[in-house]
Every structure is written in C-alpha cells, then in structure tokens.
C-alpha cells in the first residue's frame, strides 16, 4: 500500500488574509450627540405624559410620541456605529 507524503513541515499555518479596510474612530462629537438624542427623546415622551398631553408641542397631539421615538431611535442607531 502506498504511503502518503504528509505535510511539509516548513509550510506556515494558515493565516487569514488582512483586509485593507481601515477602521477609523468616530469624531469627538459623536458620543455627545447620540447621548443627547437619547436623553432628549426620553424627556420629550416623559414631558408629554406628565403634562397630560399638552406639552412639548400641543398642536402636534399624539404625534409628540412619534417625535420622541424618532429622537430615541436616531440616538440608538448612532450607538451602533460608535467605535
């Protein structure tokens, strides 16, 4: 029965090729902006409920919830891109 040649002892182990895509850090304003968006969105919704639906913008009515959730969502989306 023939014998297998086996592996070359000098061959290097497999290493994953390096990607040329460089990951740059976020600008310095990134974290304060997303934290501000999260806090303002939360406060918008809380103020809407605490003032019995009169504030922050009375003419918007129930759309105040939409504004608050959009602010929260945009802040949350920014957190996912934070490095």
N, C-alpha and C. Protein backbone atom coordinates (compact mmCIF):
# COMPACT_ATOMS: atom_id res chain seq x y z
N UNK A 1 0.84 -1.15 0.00
CA UNK A 1 0.00 0.00 0.00
C UNK A 1 0.91 1.25 0.00
N UNK A 2 0.58 2.24 -0.85
CA UNK A 2 1.43 3.44 -0.92
C UNK A 2 1.26 4.32 0.32
N UNK A 3 2.34 4.97 0.73
CA UNK A 3 2.31 5.88 1.87
C UNK A 3 2.04 7.30 1.40
N UNK A 4 1.30 8.05 2.22
CA UNK A 4 1.07 9.44 1.87
C UNK A 4 2.32 10.25 2.16
N UNK A 5 2.46 11.32 1.40
CA UNK A 5 3.66 12.14 1.55
C UNK A 5 3.60 13.00 2.82
N UNK A 6 2.40 13.29 3.30
CA UNK A 6 2.27 14.11 4.50
C UNK A 6 2.45 15.59 4.19
N UNK A 7 2.42 16.35 5.20
CA UNK A 7 2.57 17.80 5.03
C UNK A 7 4.02 18.20 5.12
N UNK A 8 4.29 19.30 4.46
CA UNK A 8 5.63 19.87 4.52
C UNK A 8 5.79 20.55 5.87
N UNK A 9 6.78 20.20 6.62
CA UNK A 9 6.98 20.75 7.95
C UNK A 9 7.34 22.23 7.91
N UNK A 10 7.87 22.70 6.81
CA UNK A 10 8.29 24.09 6.70
C UNK A 10 7.12 25.02 6.36
N UNK A 11 6.00 24.47 5.90
CA UNK A 11 4.86 25.31 5.49
C UNK A 11 4.25 25.98 6.71
N UNK A 12 3.94 27.25 6.58
CA UNK A 12 3.35 28.01 7.68
C UNK A 12 1.88 27.64 7.83
N UNK A 13 1.37 27.79 9.02
CA UNK A 13 -0.04 27.54 9.28
C UNK A 13 -0.86 28.59 8.54
N UNK A 14 -2.10 28.24 8.26
CA UNK A 14 -2.99 29.16 7.55
C UNK A 14 -3.26 30.39 8.40
N UNK A 15 -3.12 31.53 7.80
CA UNK A 15 -3.49 32.77 8.47
C UNK A 15 -4.45 33.53 7.56
N UNK A 16 -5.42 34.13 8.18
CA UNK A 16 -6.44 34.85 7.43
C UNK A 16 -5.82 36.08 6.78
N UNK A 17 -6.16 36.32 5.49
CA UNK A 17 -5.58 37.49 4.82
C UNK A 17 -6.07 38.78 5.47
N UNK A 18 -5.20 39.76 5.51
CA UNK A 18 -5.55 41.04 6.11
C UNK A 18 -6.44 41.84 5.17
N UNK A 19 -7.38 42.52 5.75
CA UNK A 19 -8.25 43.36 4.94
C UNK A 19 -7.63 44.75 4.84
N UNK A 20 -7.86 45.39 3.73
CA UNK A 20 -7.28 46.71 3.52
C UNK A 20 -8.19 47.82 4.07
N UNK A 21 -9.38 47.44 4.55
CA UNK A 21 -10.31 48.43 5.07
C UNK A 21 -9.85 48.89 6.45
N UNK A 22 -9.55 50.16 6.57
CA UNK A 22 -9.11 50.68 7.85
C UNK A 22 -10.32 51.23 8.61
N UNK A 23 -10.36 50.94 9.88
CA UNK A 23 -11.46 51.40 10.72
C UNK A 23 -10.99 52.63 11.47
N UNK A 24 -11.62 53.74 11.16
CA UNK A 24 -11.24 54.99 11.81
C UNK A 24 -12.17 55.25 12.98
N UNK A 25 -11.67 55.87 14.02
CA UNK A 25 -12.54 56.19 15.15
C UNK A 25 -13.53 57.29 14.78
N UNK A 26 -14.60 57.36 15.54
CA UNK A 26 -15.61 58.39 15.30
C UNK A 26 -15.07 59.76 15.68
N UNK A 27 -15.69 60.81 15.12
CA UNK A 27 -15.30 62.16 15.54
C UNK A 27 -15.65 62.39 17.02
N UNK A 28 -15.07 63.42 17.59
CA UNK A 28 -15.25 63.66 19.02
C UNK A 28 -16.68 64.06 19.36
N UNK A 29 -17.45 64.57 18.40
CA UNK A 29 -18.82 65.00 18.67
C UNK A 29 -19.81 63.83 18.64
N UNK A 30 -19.40 62.66 18.22
CA UNK A 30 -20.31 61.53 18.00
C UNK A 30 -21.03 61.11 19.29
N UNK A 31 -20.26 60.82 20.33
CA UNK A 31 -20.85 60.32 21.58
C UNK A 31 -21.75 61.36 22.25
N UNK A 32 -21.33 62.62 22.36
CA UNK A 32 -22.25 63.59 22.97
C UNK A 32 -23.56 63.76 22.20
N UNK A 33 -23.51 63.65 20.88
CA UNK A 33 -24.74 63.82 20.09
C UNK A 33 -25.69 62.65 20.32
N UNK A 34 -25.20 61.42 20.30
CA UNK A 34 -26.14 60.32 20.47
C UNK A 34 -26.67 60.24 21.90
N UNK A 35 -25.86 60.62 22.88
CA UNK A 35 -26.37 60.64 24.25
C UNK A 35 -27.42 61.73 24.40
N UNK A 36 -27.18 62.88 23.78
CA UNK A 36 -28.16 63.97 23.82
C UNK A 36 -29.46 63.56 23.15
N UNK A 37 -29.38 62.90 22.00
CA UNK A 37 -30.59 62.45 21.32
C UNK A 37 -31.39 61.47 22.17
N UNK A 38 -30.71 60.56 22.83
CA UNK A 38 -31.40 59.60 23.68
C UNK A 38 -32.08 60.29 24.86
N UNK A 39 -31.38 61.20 25.49
CA UNK A 39 -31.94 61.89 26.66
C UNK A 39 -33.10 62.80 26.26
N UNK A 40 -32.93 63.56 25.18
CA UNK A 40 -33.99 64.47 24.74
C UNK A 40 -35.23 63.68 24.30
N UNK A 41 -35.04 62.57 23.61
CA UNK A 41 -36.17 61.74 23.21
C UNK A 41 -36.92 61.20 24.40
N UNK A 42 -36.20 60.73 25.39
CA UNK A 42 -36.84 60.22 26.60
C UNK A 42 -37.58 61.34 27.33
N UNK A 43 -36.93 62.48 27.49
CA UNK A 43 -37.58 63.60 28.16
C UNK A 43 -38.81 64.09 27.41
N UNK A 44 -38.74 64.07 26.07
CA UNK A 44 -39.88 64.50 25.25
C UNK A 44 -41.12 63.65 25.57
N UNK A 45 -40.91 62.34 25.61
CA UNK A 45 -42.02 61.43 25.88
C UNK A 45 -42.52 61.58 27.32
N UNK A 46 -41.60 61.71 28.28
CA UNK A 46 -41.99 61.85 29.68
C UNK A 46 -42.77 63.14 29.89
N UNK A 47 -42.30 64.24 29.31
CA UNK A 47 -43.00 65.52 29.46
C UNK A 47 -44.38 65.43 28.83
N UNK A 48 -44.49 64.75 27.71
CA UNK A 48 -45.79 64.60 27.04
C UNK A 48 -46.79 63.89 27.96
N UNK A 49 -46.35 62.84 28.64
CA UNK A 49 -47.25 62.10 29.52
C UNK A 49 -47.52 62.85 30.83
N UNK A 50 -46.49 63.46 31.41
CA UNK A 50 -46.65 64.12 32.70
C UNK A 50 -47.56 65.35 32.60
N UNK A 51 -47.48 66.07 31.50
CA UNK A 51 -48.29 67.28 31.35
C UNK A 51 -49.67 66.98 30.77
N UNK A 52 -50.04 65.74 30.77
CA UNK A 52 -51.35 65.30 30.28
C UNK A 52 -51.59 65.73 28.84
N UNK A 53 -50.62 65.46 28.00
CA UNK A 53 -50.71 65.59 26.54
C UNK A 53 -50.79 67.04 26.04
N UNK A 54 -50.35 68.02 26.85
CA UNK A 54 -50.39 69.42 26.42
C UNK A 54 -49.05 69.91 25.89
N UNK A 55 -47.95 69.42 26.43
CA UNK A 55 -46.62 69.86 26.02
C UNK A 55 -45.86 68.68 25.49
N UNK A 56 -44.76 68.77 24.85
CA UNK A 56 -43.92 69.88 24.45
C UNK A 56 -44.53 70.72 23.33
N UNK A 57 -45.23 70.14 22.38
CA UNK A 57 -45.88 70.91 21.31
C UNK A 57 -47.34 70.47 21.29
N UNK A 58 -48.21 71.34 21.82
CA UNK A 58 -49.61 70.97 21.96
C UNK A 58 -50.32 70.74 20.64
N UNK A 59 -49.92 71.44 19.59
CA UNK A 59 -50.61 71.30 18.30
C UNK A 59 -50.30 69.98 17.61
N UNK A 60 -49.24 69.30 18.03
CA UNK A 60 -48.90 68.00 17.41
C UNK A 60 -49.79 66.88 17.93
N UNK A 61 -50.30 67.03 19.12
CA UNK A 61 -51.15 65.99 19.68
C UNK A 61 -50.37 64.71 19.93
N UNK A 62 -50.90 63.61 19.47
CA UNK A 62 -50.26 62.30 19.69
C UNK A 62 -48.97 62.14 18.89
N UNK A 63 -48.74 63.01 17.92
CA UNK A 63 -47.51 62.93 17.16
C UNK A 63 -46.29 63.29 18.00
N UNK A 64 -46.52 63.85 19.19
CA UNK A 64 -45.40 64.09 20.11
C UNK A 64 -44.70 62.77 20.46
N UNK A 65 -45.47 61.70 20.57
CA UNK A 65 -44.85 60.38 20.81
C UNK A 65 -43.96 59.99 19.64
N UNK A 66 -44.43 60.26 18.44
CA UNK A 66 -43.61 59.95 17.26
C UNK A 66 -42.31 60.72 17.25
N UNK A 67 -42.37 62.00 17.60
CA UNK A 67 -41.15 62.82 17.66
C UNK A 67 -40.19 62.25 18.70
N UNK A 68 -40.71 61.91 19.86
CA UNK A 68 -39.86 61.34 20.91
C UNK A 68 -39.22 60.03 20.49
N UNK A 69 -40.00 59.17 19.85
CA UNK A 69 -39.45 57.88 19.42
C UNK A 69 -38.45 58.04 18.28
N UNK A 70 -38.65 59.01 17.41
CA UNK A 70 -37.67 59.25 16.34
C UNK A 70 -36.36 59.73 16.94
N UNK A 71 -36.43 60.59 17.93
CA UNK A 71 -35.20 61.04 18.60
C UNK A 71 -34.49 59.86 19.28
N UNK A 72 -35.26 59.03 19.99
CA UNK A 72 -34.68 57.86 20.63
C UNK A 72 -34.06 56.90 19.61
N UNK A 73 -34.77 56.65 18.54
CA UNK A 73 -34.30 55.72 17.52
C UNK A 73 -33.05 56.23 16.83
N UNK A 74 -33.01 57.51 16.53
CA UNK A 74 -31.81 58.05 15.87
C UNK A 74 -30.60 57.98 16.81
N UNK A 75 -30.80 58.23 18.10
CA UNK A 75 -29.71 58.08 19.06
C UNK A 75 -29.26 56.64 19.18
N UNK A 76 -30.21 55.72 19.17
CA UNK A 76 -29.86 54.30 19.25
C UNK A 76 -29.11 53.83 18.01
N UNK A 77 -29.51 54.30 16.84
CA UNK A 77 -28.81 53.94 15.61
C UNK A 77 -27.38 54.47 15.64
N UNK A 78 -27.20 55.66 16.20
CA UNK A 78 -25.84 56.19 16.31
C UNK A 78 -24.97 55.37 17.25
N UNK A 79 -25.57 54.75 18.27
CA UNK A 79 -24.78 53.93 19.18
C UNK A 79 -24.23 52.70 18.49
N UNK A 80 -24.93 52.21 17.48
CA UNK A 80 -24.46 51.01 16.79
C UNK A 80 -23.26 51.30 15.89
N UNK A 81 -23.07 52.54 15.49
CA UNK A 81 -21.92 52.91 14.66
C UNK A 81 -20.75 53.46 15.46
N UNK A 82 -20.90 53.47 16.79
CA UNK A 82 -19.88 54.05 17.65
C UNK A 82 -18.69 53.10 17.76
N UNK A 83 -17.49 53.64 17.64
CA UNK A 83 -16.26 52.84 17.76
C UNK A 83 -15.42 53.40 18.87
